[in-house]
Amino acid sequence: MEKIKTTIPYYTEINDFLDSIPWPGRTTDPDFYCLRLKPLDQGRQVYRPPFKRSFYFFALLFNSGRIQVNYGDQTIHDPESYLVFHSPNLVYSFAHNNALEGYVIYFKPECFSFFKPDFHQQFRLFDVLHTNLFKFDLDTFKQLVPHFEAVFAAYERSAKVQHMEARIKLLGLLYYLEDFALEKKEDIRLATTQQILLRKFIQLIDNHYINKRTVQEYADMLSVTANYLSQSVKHASGKNALTFIAERLATEARSLIQYTDLEVTEIAYQLNFSDPANFGKFFKRQVGLSPTEFRKQRK
């Protein structure tokens, strides 16, 4: 049976994503865009169902009304202000009553080809597992505004497509926010060798979970033994390496079941299961419900 593509929107280009939201503005630089978020028409409702992006996103936002932000299995309601960091390939959605304003930055790793950092090691705020979101009050928002303004001012006054000054200031902003976040979130720590290996392992799973299901396959790609990879992952996370593979597959399965109208059989083959029965057993083992039960519950 031919594999069916997911109907969850997946944006690989910044402008393609900007076309899907109501705020005006497009970028002439395919790797970098700074958006000043301002209220639109009074009372206008904005809702984006689940989607994914292949590029990085982070924002400093002030909320003067009602808002709901969904990421992963978490939902945040009505934060006064917040700072959010979103890595590529994570499911994200939001709903608000046009009350948000602030600063939004989209970029691809190619934006920093002159620097070539590994963002998941250099900037721990961009987590491959989940969105990092920090809620705080208006005073903290005002404390962070000048740092974002420095980037936006450089971006907006630049006549060059590359916005090189703004890119460099953006790096400075990210380093500053790392220190800021350390004060707000105790579980962001300097990465150990095992944690770095864990992140590389998770990144590989994100790219290969459809076709690679064994620890040995990932160990080969990481040039370590399967035993060393298993022990490192266990020590860094407290979970087995196979658990990460299964959880990534289950996350995609939940999204396909919840957000598309694909038949369970189609989803099973799309996720490279040998038959729908094996997929059903896997899903129930991971989620606690059959695919059909899960869909009924979520609908």
C-alpha atoms as a PDB file:
ATOM      1  CA  MET A   1       0.000   0.000   0.000  1.00  0.00           C
ATOM      2  CA  GLU A   2       1.278   3.465  -0.893  1.00  0.00           C
ATOM      3  CA  LYS A   3       2.336   5.487   2.130  1.00  0.00           C
ATOM      4  CA  ILE A   4       0.186   8.543   2.787  1.00  0.00           C
ATOM      5  CA  LYS A   5       1.743  11.830   3.825  1.00  0.00           C
ATOM      6  CA  THR A   6       0.571  13.407   7.053  1.00  0.00           C
ATOM      7  CA  THR A   7      -1.859  16.256   6.702  1.00  0.00           C
ATOM      8  CA  ILE A   8      -0.279  18.146   9.610  1.00  0.00           C
ATOM      9  CA  PRO A   9       1.283  21.174   7.861  1.00  0.00           C
ATOM     10  CA  TYR A  10       5.076  21.040   7.745  1.00  0.00           C
ATOM     11  CA  TYR A  11       6.851  24.264   6.804  1.00  0.00           C
ATOM     12  CA  THR A  12      10.393  24.139   5.472  1.00  0.00           C
ATOM     13  CA  GLU A  13      10.570  27.784   4.363  1.00  0.00           C
ATOM     14  CA  ILE A  14      10.020  30.777   6.641  1.00  0.00           C
ATOM     15  CA  ASN A  15       7.937  32.653   4.059  1.00  0.00           C
ATOM     16  CA  ASP A  16       5.677  29.649   3.530  1.00  0.00           C
ATOM     17  CA  PHE A  17       4.881  29.713   7.232  1.00  0.00           C
ATOM     18  CA  LEU A  18       4.409  33.496   7.228  1.00  0.00           C
ATOM     19  CA  ASP A  19       1.865  33.074   4.424  1.00  0.00           C
ATOM     20  CA  SER A  20      -0.206  30.920   6.792  1.00  0.00           C
ATOM     21  CA  ILE A  21      -0.521  33.482   9.606  1.00  0.00           C
ATOM     22  CA  PRO A  22      -2.489  36.746   9.533  1.00  0.00           C
ATOM     23  CA  TRP A  23       0.368  39.154  10.325  1.00  0.00           C
ATOM     24  CA  PRO A  24       1.840  41.051   7.375  1.00  0.00           C
ATOM     25  CA  GLY A  25       5.483  40.916   6.407  1.00  0.00           C
ATOM     26  CA  ARG A  26       7.775  38.577   4.517  1.00  0.00           C
ATOM     27  CA  THR A  27      11.522  38.027   4.504  1.00  0.00           C
ATOM     28  CA  THR A  28      13.972  38.548   1.654  1.00  0.00           C
ATOM     29  CA  ASP A  29      16.445  36.432   3.614  1.00  0.00           C
ATOM     30  CA  PRO A  30      15.339  32.755   3.499  1.00  0.00           C
ATOM     31  CA  ASP A  31      17.330  31.970   6.661  1.00  0.00           C
ATOM     32  CA  PHE A  32      16.341  34.780   9.060  1.00  0.00           C
ATOM     33  CA  TYR A  33      13.333  36.949   9.894  1.00  0.00           C
ATOM     34  CA  CYS A  34      12.430  39.316  12.742  1.00  0.00           C
ATOM     35  CA  LEU A  35       8.706  39.958  13.229  1.00  0.00           C
ATOM     36  CA  ARG A  36       7.298  42.663  15.485  1.00  0.00           C
ATOM     37  CA  LEU A  37       4.048  41.189  16.681  1.00  0.00           C
ATOM     38  CA  LYS A  38       1.293  43.786  16.997  1.00  0.00           C
ATOM     39  CA  PRO A  39      -2.462  43.442  17.554  1.00  0.00           C
ATOM     40  CA  LEU A  40      -4.521  43.153  14.394  1.00  0.00           C
ATOM     41  CA  ASP A  41      -8.206  44.044  14.056  1.00  0.00           C
ATOM     42  CA  GLN A  42      -9.921  44.576  17.393  1.00  0.00           C
ATOM     43  CA  GLY A  43     -11.397  41.337  18.702  1.00  0.00           C
ATOM     44  CA  ARG A  44     -10.065  39.178  15.894  1.00  0.00           C
ATOM     45  CA  GLN A  45      -9.573  35.557  16.887  1.00  0.00           C
ATOM     46  CA  VAL A  46      -6.373  33.812  15.805  1.00  0.00           C
ATOM     47  CA  TYR A  47      -6.093  30.038  15.834  1.00  0.00           C
ATOM     48  CA  ARG A  48      -3.462  27.765  14.350  1.00  0.00           C
ATOM     49  CA  PRO A  49      -4.110  24.019  14.478  1.00  0.00           C
ATOM     50  CA  PRO A  50      -1.099  21.743  15.032  1.00  0.00           C
ATOM     51  CA  PHE A  51       1.815  22.194  12.641  1.00  0.00           C
ATOM     52  CA  LYS A  52       5.561  21.655  12.419  1.00  0.00           C
ATOM     53  CA  ARG A  53       8.455  23.789  11.202  1.00  0.00           C
ATOM     54  CA  SER A  54      11.909  22.801  10.008  1.00  0.00           C
ATOM     55  CA  PHE A  55      13.480  25.971  11.418  1.00  0.00           C
ATOM     56  CA  TYR A  56      13.995  27.546  14.851  1.00  0.00           C
ATOM     57  CA  PHE A  57      11.564  29.954  16.483  1.00  0.00           C
ATOM     58  CA  PHE A  58      11.706  31.970  19.676  1.00  0.00           C
ATOM     59  CA  ALA A  59       9.756  34.913  20.968  1.00  0.00           C
ATOM     60  CA  LEU A  60       9.293  37.395  23.804  1.00  0.00           C
ATOM     61  CA  LEU A  61       5.577  38.168  24.106  1.00  0.00           C
ATOM     62  CA  PHE A  62       3.298  40.310  26.237  1.00  0.00           C
ATOM     63  CA  ASN A  63      -0.317  39.239  26.625  1.00  0.00           C
ATOM     64  CA  SER A  64      -3.130  41.714  27.298  1.00  0.00           C
ATOM     65  CA  GLY A  65      -5.995  39.274  26.874  1.00  0.00           C
ATOM     66  CA  ARG A  66      -6.762  35.574  26.687  1.00  0.00           C
ATOM     67  CA  ILE A  67      -4.431  33.093  25.050  1.00  0.00           C
ATOM     68  CA  GLN A  68      -3.857  29.352  24.843  1.00  0.00           C
ATOM     69  CA  VAL A  69      -0.542  27.865  23.723  1.00  0.00           C
ATOM     70  CA  ASN A  70      -0.233  24.119  23.091  1.00  0.00           C
ATOM     71  CA  TYR A  71       3.030  22.298  22.747  1.00  0.00           C
ATOM     72  CA  GLY A  72       3.499  18.578  23.110  1.00  0.00           C
ATOM     73  CA  ASP A  73       1.077  17.384  25.770  1.00  0.00           C
ATOM     74  CA  GLN A  74       1.073  20.712  27.645  1.00  0.00           C
ATOM     75  CA  THR A  75      -1.269  23.700  27.459  1.00  0.00           C
ATOM     76  CA  ILE A  76      -0.543  27.163  28.874  1.00  0.00           C
ATOM     77  CA  HIS A  77      -3.442  29.550  29.565  1.00  0.00           C
ATOM     78  CA  ASP A  78      -3.245  33.341  29.857  1.00  0.00           C
ATOM     79  CA  PRO A  79       0.395  34.031  30.779  1.00  0.00           C
ATOM     80  CA  GLU A  80       0.987  37.750  31.392  1.00  0.00           C
ATOM     81  CA  SER A  81       4.298  37.583  29.535  1.00  0.00           C
ATOM     82  CA  TYR A  82       6.387  34.714  28.328  1.00  0.00           C
ATOM     83  CA  LEU A  83       9.547  33.685  26.538  1.00  0.00           C
ATOM     84  CA  VAL A  84       9.320  30.633  24.293  1.00  0.00           C
ATOM     85  CA  PHE A  85      11.956  28.555  22.467  1.00  0.00           C
ATOM     86  CA  HIS A  86      10.913  26.031  19.855  1.00  0.00           C
ATOM     87  CA  SER A  87      13.193  23.591  18.034  1.00  0.00           C
ATOM     88  CA  PRO A  88      12.537  22.251  14.537  1.00  0.00           C
ATOM     89  CA  ASN A  89      10.165  19.318  13.993  1.00  0.00           C
ATOM     90  CA  LEU A  90       8.140  19.703  17.195  1.00  0.00           C
ATOM     91  CA  VAL A  91       4.336  19.877  17.068  1.00  0.00           C
ATOM     92  CA  TYR A  92       3.035  23.320  18.010  1.00  0.00           C
ATOM     93  CA  SER A  93      -0.318  25.158  18.023  1.00  0.00           C
ATOM     94  CA  PHE A  94      -1.786  28.328  19.482  1.00  0.00           C
ATOM     95  CA  ALA A  95      -5.029  30.233  19.945  1.00  0.00           C
ATOM     96  CA  HIS A  96      -5.575  33.806  21.149  1.00  0.00           C
ATOM     97  CA  ASN A  97      -7.873  36.771  20.816  1.00  0.00           C
ATOM     98  CA  ASN A  98      -5.365  39.055  19.111  1.00  0.00           C
ATOM     99  CA  ALA A  99      -3.960  40.249  22.422  1.00  0.00           C
ATOM    100  CA  LEU A 100      -0.298  39.362  21.869  1.00  0.00           C
ATOM    101  CA  GLU A 101       2.484  41.789  21.080  1.00  0.00           C
ATOM    102  CA  GLY A 102       6.230  41.526  21.236  1.00  0.00           C
ATOM    103  CA  TYR A 103       9.162  40.066  19.317  1.00  0.00           C
ATOM    104  CA  VAL A 104       9.305  36.920  17.195  1.00  0.00           C
ATOM    105  CA  ILE A 105      12.461  35.568  15.530  1.00  0.00           C
ATOM    106  CA  TYR A 106      12.664  32.750  12.978  1.00  0.00           C
ATOM    107  CA  PHE A 107      15.983  31.388  11.755  1.00  0.00           C
ATOM    108  CA  LYS A 108      17.668  28.407  10.167  1.00  0.00           C
ATOM    109  CA  PRO A 109      21.096  27.063  11.222  1.00  0.00           C
ATOM    110  CA  GLU A 110      22.405  28.388   7.887  1.00  0.00           C
ATOM    111  CA  CYS A 111      21.868  31.850   9.344  1.00  0.00           C
ATOM    112  CA  PHE A 112      25.098  31.289  11.300  1.00  0.00           C
ATOM    113  CA  SER A 113      27.229  29.519   8.700  1.00  0.00           C
ATOM    114  CA  PHE A 114      30.083  31.861   9.710  1.00  0.00           C
ATOM    115  CA  PHE A 115      29.875  30.534  13.294  1.00  0.00           C
ATOM    116  CA  LYS A 116      28.616  26.975  12.818  1.00  0.00           C
ATOM    117  CA  PRO A 117      27.410  26.250  16.351  1.00  0.00           C
ATOM    118  CA  ASP A 118      25.578  23.073  17.283  1.00  0.00           C
ATOM    119  CA  PHE A 119      22.489  24.790  18.638  1.00  0.00           C
ATOM    120  CA  HIS A 120      21.365  21.842  20.736  1.00  0.00           C
ATOM    121  CA  GLN A 121      24.706  21.883  22.537  1.00  0.00           C
ATOM    122  CA  GLN A 122      25.545  25.593  22.490  1.00  0.00           C
ATOM    123  CA  PHE A 123      22.047  26.840  23.347  1.00  0.00           C
ATOM    124  CA  ARG A 124      20.283  24.413  25.647  1.00  0.00           C
ATOM    125  CA  LEU A 125      17.071  26.435  25.478  1.00  0.00           C
ATOM    126  CA  PHE A 126      16.450  24.841  22.086  1.00  0.00           C
ATOM    127  CA  ASP A 127      15.539  21.356  23.203  1.00  0.00           C
ATOM    128  CA  VAL A 128      14.938  18.566  20.687  1.00  0.00           C
ATOM    129  CA  LEU A 129      12.442  16.948  23.064  1.00  0.00           C
ATOM    130  CA  HIS A 130      10.111  19.785  23.961  1.00  0.00           C
ATOM    131  CA  THR A 131       9.390  23.506  23.801  1.00  0.00           C
ATOM    132  CA  ASN A 132      10.901  25.632  26.578  1.00  0.00           C
ATOM    133  CA  LEU A 133       8.457  28.262  27.827  1.00  0.00           C
ATOM    134  CA  PHE A 134       9.045  30.686  30.695  1.00  0.00           C
ATOM    135  CA  LYS A 135       6.129  32.618  32.180  1.00  0.00           C
ATOM    136  CA  PHE A 136       6.809  35.856  34.060  1.00  0.00           C
ATOM    137  CA  ASP A 137       5.405  39.268  34.961  1.00  0.00           C
ATOM    138  CA  LEU A 138       5.422  42.555  33.072  1.00  0.00           C
ATOM    139  CA  ASP A 139       8.492  43.871  34.926  1.00  0.00           C
ATOM    140  CA  THR A 140      10.567  40.945  33.650  1.00  0.00           C
ATOM    141  CA  PHE A 141       9.217  41.517  30.147  1.00  0.00           C
ATOM    142  CA  LYS A 142      10.404  45.142  30.323  1.00  0.00           C
ATOM    143  CA  GLN A 143      13.821  43.949  31.549  1.00  0.00           C
ATOM    144  CA  LEU A 144      14.263  41.816  28.421  1.00  0.00           C
ATOM    145  CA  VAL A 145      12.868  44.310  25.880  1.00  0.00           C
ATOM    146  CA  PRO A 146      16.105  46.322  25.330  1.00  0.00           C
ATOM    147  CA  HIS A 147      18.003  43.148  24.431  1.00  0.00           C
ATOM    148  CA  PHE A 148      15.447  42.236  21.773  1.00  0.00           C
ATOM    149  CA  GLU A 149      15.260  45.845  20.569  1.00  0.00           C
ATOM    150  CA  ALA A 150      19.009  45.789  19.835  1.00  0.00           C
ATOM    151  CA  VAL A 151      18.514  42.879  17.429  1.00  0.00           C
ATOM    152  CA  PHE A 152      15.395  44.320  15.817  1.00  0.00           C
ATOM    153  CA  ALA A 153      16.908  47.787  15.384  1.00  0.00           C
ATOM    154  CA  ALA A 154      19.924  46.287  13.585  1.00  0.00           C
ATOM    155  CA  TYR A 155      17.634  44.113  11.464  1.00  0.00           C
ATOM    156  CA  GLU A 156      15.309  46.941  10.470  1.00  0.00           C
ATOM    157  CA  ARG A 157      17.973  49.495   9.575  1.00  0.00           C
ATOM    158  CA  SER A 158      19.990  47.067   7.443  1.00  0.00           C
ATOM    159  CA  ALA A 159      19.751  47.540   3.685  1.00  0.00           C
ATOM    160  CA  LYS A 160      21.558  44.267   3.041  1.00  0.00           C
ATOM    161  CA  VAL A 161      19.767  40.988   2.536  1.00  0.00           C
ATOM    162  CA  GLN A 162      21.993  39.084   4.973  1.00  0.00           C
ATOM    163  CA  HIS A 163      21.446  41.394   7.983  1.00  0.00           C
ATOM    164  CA  MET A 164      24.902  40.453   9.251  1.00  0.00           C
ATOM    165  CA  GLU A 165      24.940  42.920  12.160  1.00  0.00           C
ATOM    166  CA  ALA A 166      21.560  41.650  13.322  1.00  0.00           C
ATOM    167  CA  ARG A 167      22.741  38.034  13.103  1.00  0.00           C
ATOM    168  CA  ILE A 168      25.722  38.789  15.319  1.00  0.00           C
ATOM    169  CA  LYS A 169      23.517  40.642  17.814  1.00  0.00           C
ATOM    170  CA  LEU A 170      21.147  37.666  17.732  1.00  0.00           C
ATOM    171  CA  LEU A 171      23.977  35.396  18.868  1.00  0.00           C
ATOM    172  CA  GLY A 172      24.664  37.792  21.727  1.00  0.00           C
ATOM    173  CA  LEU A 173      20.986  37.754  22.651  1.00  0.00           C
ATOM    174  CA  LEU A 174      20.916  33.954  22.738  1.00  0.00           C
ATOM    175  CA  TYR A 175      23.936  33.836  25.045  1.00  0.00           C
ATOM    176  CA  TYR A 176      22.290  36.410  27.303  1.00  0.00           C
ATOM    177  CA  LEU A 177      19.036  34.440  27.400  1.00  0.00           C
ATOM    178  CA  GLU A 178      20.925  31.266  28.337  1.00  0.00           C
ATOM    179  CA  ASP A 179      22.109  33.011  31.497  1.00  0.00           C
ATOM    180  CA  PHE A 180      18.661  34.486  32.114  1.00  0.00           C
ATOM    181  CA  ALA A 181      17.002  31.084  31.774  1.00  0.00           C
ATOM    182  CA  LEU A 182      19.467  29.427  34.153  1.00  0.00           C
ATOM    183  CA  GLU A 183      18.056  31.668  36.876  1.00  0.00           C
ATOM    184  CA  LYS A 184      14.493  30.711  35.933  1.00  0.00           C
ATOM    185  CA  LYS A 185      14.800  27.009  35.305  1.00  0.00           C
ATOM    186  CA  GLU A 186      16.913  24.772  37.480  1.00  0.00           C
ATOM    187  CA  ASP A 187      16.994  21.790  35.131  1.00  0.00           C
ATOM    188  CA  ILE A 188      19.011  23.563  32.410  1.00  0.00           C
ATOM    189  CA  ARG A 189      22.580  22.521  33.128  1.00  0.00           C
ATOM    190  CA  LEU A 190      25.936  22.414  31.398  1.00  0.00           C
ATOM    191  CA  ALA A 191      25.915  19.404  29.110  1.00  0.00           C
ATOM    192  CA  THR A 192      28.059  16.405  30.054  1.00  0.00           C
ATOM    193  CA  THR A 193      29.545  14.051  27.462  1.00  0.00           C
ATOM    194  CA  GLN A 194      26.685  11.639  28.075  1.00  0.00           C
ATOM    195  CA  GLN A 195      24.083  14.395  27.720  1.00  0.00           C
ATOM    196  CA  ILE A 196      25.650  15.509  24.445  1.00  0.00           C
ATOM    197  CA  LEU A 197      25.505  11.925  23.188  1.00  0.00           C
ATOM    198  CA  LEU A 198      21.868  11.722  24.314  1.00  0.00           C
ATOM    199  CA  ARG A 199      20.971  14.828  22.329  1.00  0.00           C
ATOM    200  CA  LYS A 200      22.727  13.527  19.220  1.00  0.00           C
ATOM    201  CA  PHE A 201      20.895  10.234  19.660  1.00  0.00           C
ATOM    202  CA  ILE A 202      17.539  12.037  19.936  1.00  0.00           C
ATOM    203  CA  GLN A 203      18.308  14.154  16.865  1.00  0.00           C
ATOM    204  CA  LEU A 204      19.076  10.996  14.882  1.00  0.00           C
ATOM    205  CA  ILE A 205      15.842   9.407  16.084  1.00  0.00           C
ATOM    206  CA  ASP A 206      13.937  12.478  14.839  1.00  0.00           C
ATOM    207  CA  ASN A 207      15.405  11.951  11.375  1.00  0.00           C
ATOM    208  CA  HIS A 208      15.329   8.152  11.153  1.00  0.00           C
ATOM    209  CA  TYR A 209      12.640   6.749  13.483  1.00  0.00           C
ATOM    210  CA  ILE A 210      10.493   5.596  10.563  1.00  0.00           C
ATOM    211  CA  ASN A 211      13.142   3.206   9.252  1.00  0.00           C
ATOM    212  CA  LYS A 212      15.530   2.577  12.151  1.00  0.00           C
ATOM    213  CA  ARG A 213      14.180   0.905  15.283  1.00  0.00           C
ATOM    214  CA  THR A 214      17.212  -0.681  17.006  1.00  0.00           C
ATOM    215  CA  VAL A 215      19.844   0.748  19.338  1.00  0.00           C
ATOM    216  CA  GLN A 216      22.555  -0.888  17.225  1.00  0.00           C
ATOM    217  CA  GLU A 217      21.569   1.107  14.137  1.00  0.00           C
ATOM    218  CA  TYR A 218      21.876   4.392  16.030  1.00  0.00           C
ATOM    219  CA  ALA A 219      25.093   3.325  17.740  1.00  0.00           C
ATOM    220  CA  ASP A 220      26.609   2.665  14.315  1.00  0.00           C
ATOM    221  CA  MET A 221      25.685   6.171  13.158  1.00  0.00           C
ATOM    222  CA  LEU A 222      27.217   7.629  16.329  1.00  0.00           C
ATOM    223  CA  SER A 223      30.381   5.499  16.045  1.00  0.00           C
ATOM    224  CA  VAL A 224      29.957   3.952  19.496  1.00  0.00           C
ATOM    225  CA  THR A 225      28.977   0.501  20.686  1.00  0.00           C
ATOM    226  CA  ALA A 226      25.356  -0.289  21.372  1.00  0.00           C
ATOM    227  CA  ASN A 227      26.224  -1.070  24.987  1.00  0.00           C
ATOM    228  CA  TYR A 228      27.965   2.291  25.492  1.00  0.00           C
ATOM    229  CA  LEU A 229      25.075   4.155  23.908  1.00  0.00           C
ATOM    230  CA  SER A 230      22.540   2.319  26.082  1.00  0.00           C
ATOM    231  CA  GLN A 231      24.477   2.993  29.280  1.00  0.00           C
ATOM    232  CA  SER A 232      25.055   6.676  28.406  1.00  0.00           C
ATOM    233  CA  VAL A 233      21.411   7.268  27.564  1.00  0.00           C
ATOM    234  CA  LYS A 234      20.314   5.534  30.752  1.00  0.00           C
ATOM    235  CA  HIS A 235      22.714   7.538  32.894  1.00  0.00           C
ATOM    236  CA  ALA A 236      21.825  10.906  31.284  1.00  0.00           C
ATOM    237  CA  SER A 237      18.067  10.459  31.179  1.00  0.00           C
ATOM    238  CA  GLY A 238      17.054   7.589  33.444  1.00  0.00           C
ATOM    239  CA  LYS A 239      15.326   5.950  30.471  1.00  0.00           C
ATOM    240  CA  ASN A 240      16.326   3.113  28.167  1.00  0.00           C
ATOM    241  CA  ALA A 241      17.514   3.931  24.652  1.00  0.00           C
ATOM    242  CA  LEU A 242      14.749   1.814  23.134  1.00  0.00           C
ATOM    243  CA  THR A 243      12.213   3.864  25.067  1.00  0.00           C
ATOM    244  CA  PHE A 244      13.236   7.018  23.205  1.00  0.00           C
ATOM    245  CA  ILE A 245      12.777   5.289  19.853  1.00  0.00           C
ATOM    246  CA  ALA A 246       9.372   3.936  20.831  1.00  0.00           C
ATOM    247  CA  GLU A 247       8.217   7.252  22.317  1.00  0.00           C
ATOM    248  CA  ARG A 248       9.155   9.190  19.177  1.00  0.00           C
ATOM    249  CA  LEU A 249       7.223   6.725  17.061  1.00  0.00           C
ATOM    250  CA  ALA A 250       4.256   6.875  19.443  1.00  0.00           C
ATOM    251  CA  THR A 251       4.286  10.689  19.391  1.00  0.00           C
ATOM    252  CA  GLU A 252       4.004  10.712  15.620  1.00  0.00           C
ATOM    253  CA  ALA A 253       1.298   8.043  15.744  1.00  0.00           C
ATOM    254  CA  ARG A 254      -0.734  10.092  18.248  1.00  0.00           C
ATOM    255  CA  SER A 255      -0.443  13.184  16.053  1.00  0.00           C
ATOM    256  CA  LEU A 256      -1.538  11.324  12.929  1.00  0.00           C
ATOM    257  CA  ILE A 257      -4.489   9.753  14.708  1.00  0.00           C
ATOM    258  CA  GLN A 258      -5.584  12.938  16.460  1.00  0.00           C
ATOM    259  CA  TYR A 259      -5.002  15.549  13.762  1.00  0.00           C
ATOM    260  CA  THR A 260      -5.681  13.703  10.493  1.00  0.00           C
ATOM    261  CA  ASP A 261      -8.523  11.659   9.041  1.00  0.00           C
ATOM    262  CA  LEU A 262      -6.238   8.892   7.799  1.00  0.00           C
ATOM    263  CA  GLU A 263      -7.414   5.351   8.373  1.00  0.00           C
ATOM    264  CA  VAL A 264      -5.502   3.441  11.042  1.00  0.00           C
ATOM    265  CA  THR A 265      -4.322   1.039   8.349  1.00  0.00           C
ATOM    266  CA  GLU A 266      -2.848   3.928   6.357  1.00  0.00           C
ATOM    267  CA  ILE A 267      -1.100   5.281   9.441  1.00  0.00           C
ATOM    268  CA  ALA A 268       0.352   1.856  10.217  1.00  0.00           C
ATOM    269  CA  TYR A 269       1.948   1.566   6.791  1.00  0.00           C
ATOM    270  CA  GLN A 270       3.046   5.191   6.798  1.00  0.00           C
ATOM    271  CA  LEU A 271       4.943   4.512  10.020  1.00  0.00           C
ATOM    272  CA  ASN A 272       6.532   1.429   8.452  1.00  0.00           C
ATOM    273  CA  PHE A 273       4.782  -1.266  10.489  1.00  0.00           C
ATOM    274  CA  SER A 274       4.502  -4.662   8.841  1.00  0.00           C
ATOM    275  CA  ASP A 275       0.733  -4.723   9.331  1.00  0.00           C
ATOM    276  CA  PRO A 276      -2.025  -2.808  11.204  1.00  0.00           C
ATOM    277  CA  ALA A 277      -2.268  -5.470  13.930  1.00  0.00           C
ATOM    278  CA  ASN A 278       1.358  -4.942  14.979  1.00  0.00           C
ATOM    279  CA  PHE A 279       0.803  -1.196  14.939  1.00  0.00           C
ATOM    280  CA  GLY A 280      -2.298  -1.585  17.122  1.00  0.00           C
ATOM    281  CA  LYS A 281      -0.384  -3.668  19.686  1.00  0.00           C
ATOM    282  CA  PHE A 282       2.480  -1.169  19.733  1.00  0.00           C
ATOM    283  CA  PHE A 283       0.124   1.796  20.125  1.00  0.00           C
ATOM    284  CA  LYS A 284      -1.866   0.260  22.956  1.00  0.00           C
ATOM    285  CA  ARG A 285       1.334  -0.695  24.758  1.00  0.00           C
ATOM    286  CA  GLN A 286       2.602   2.892  24.501  1.00  0.00           C
ATOM    287  CA  VAL A 287      -0.596   4.884  25.005  1.00  0.00           C
ATOM    288  CA  GLY A 288      -2.882   2.550  26.943  1.00  0.00           C
ATOM    289  CA  LEU A 289      -5.663   2.804  24.338  1.00  0.00           C
ATOM    290  CA  SER A 290      -6.212   1.314  20.918  1.00  0.00           C
ATOM    291  CA  PRO A 291      -5.795   3.744  17.984  1.00  0.00           C
ATOM    292  CA  THR A 292      -9.574   3.823  17.496  1.00  0.00           C
ATOM    293  CA  GLU A 293     -10.258   4.464  21.190  1.00  0.00           C
ATOM    294  CA  PHE A 294      -7.641   7.211  21.262  1.00  0.00           C
ATOM    295  CA  ARG A 295      -9.174   8.928  18.220  1.00  0.00           C
ATOM    296  CA  LYS A 296     -12.673   8.810  19.702  1.00  0.00           C
ATOM    297  CA  GLN A 297     -11.451  10.222  22.998  1.00  0.00           C
ATOM    298  CA  ARG A 298      -9.559  13.113  21.346  1.00  0.00           C
ATOM    299  CA  LYS A 299     -12.297  13.977  18.863  1.00  0.00           C
END
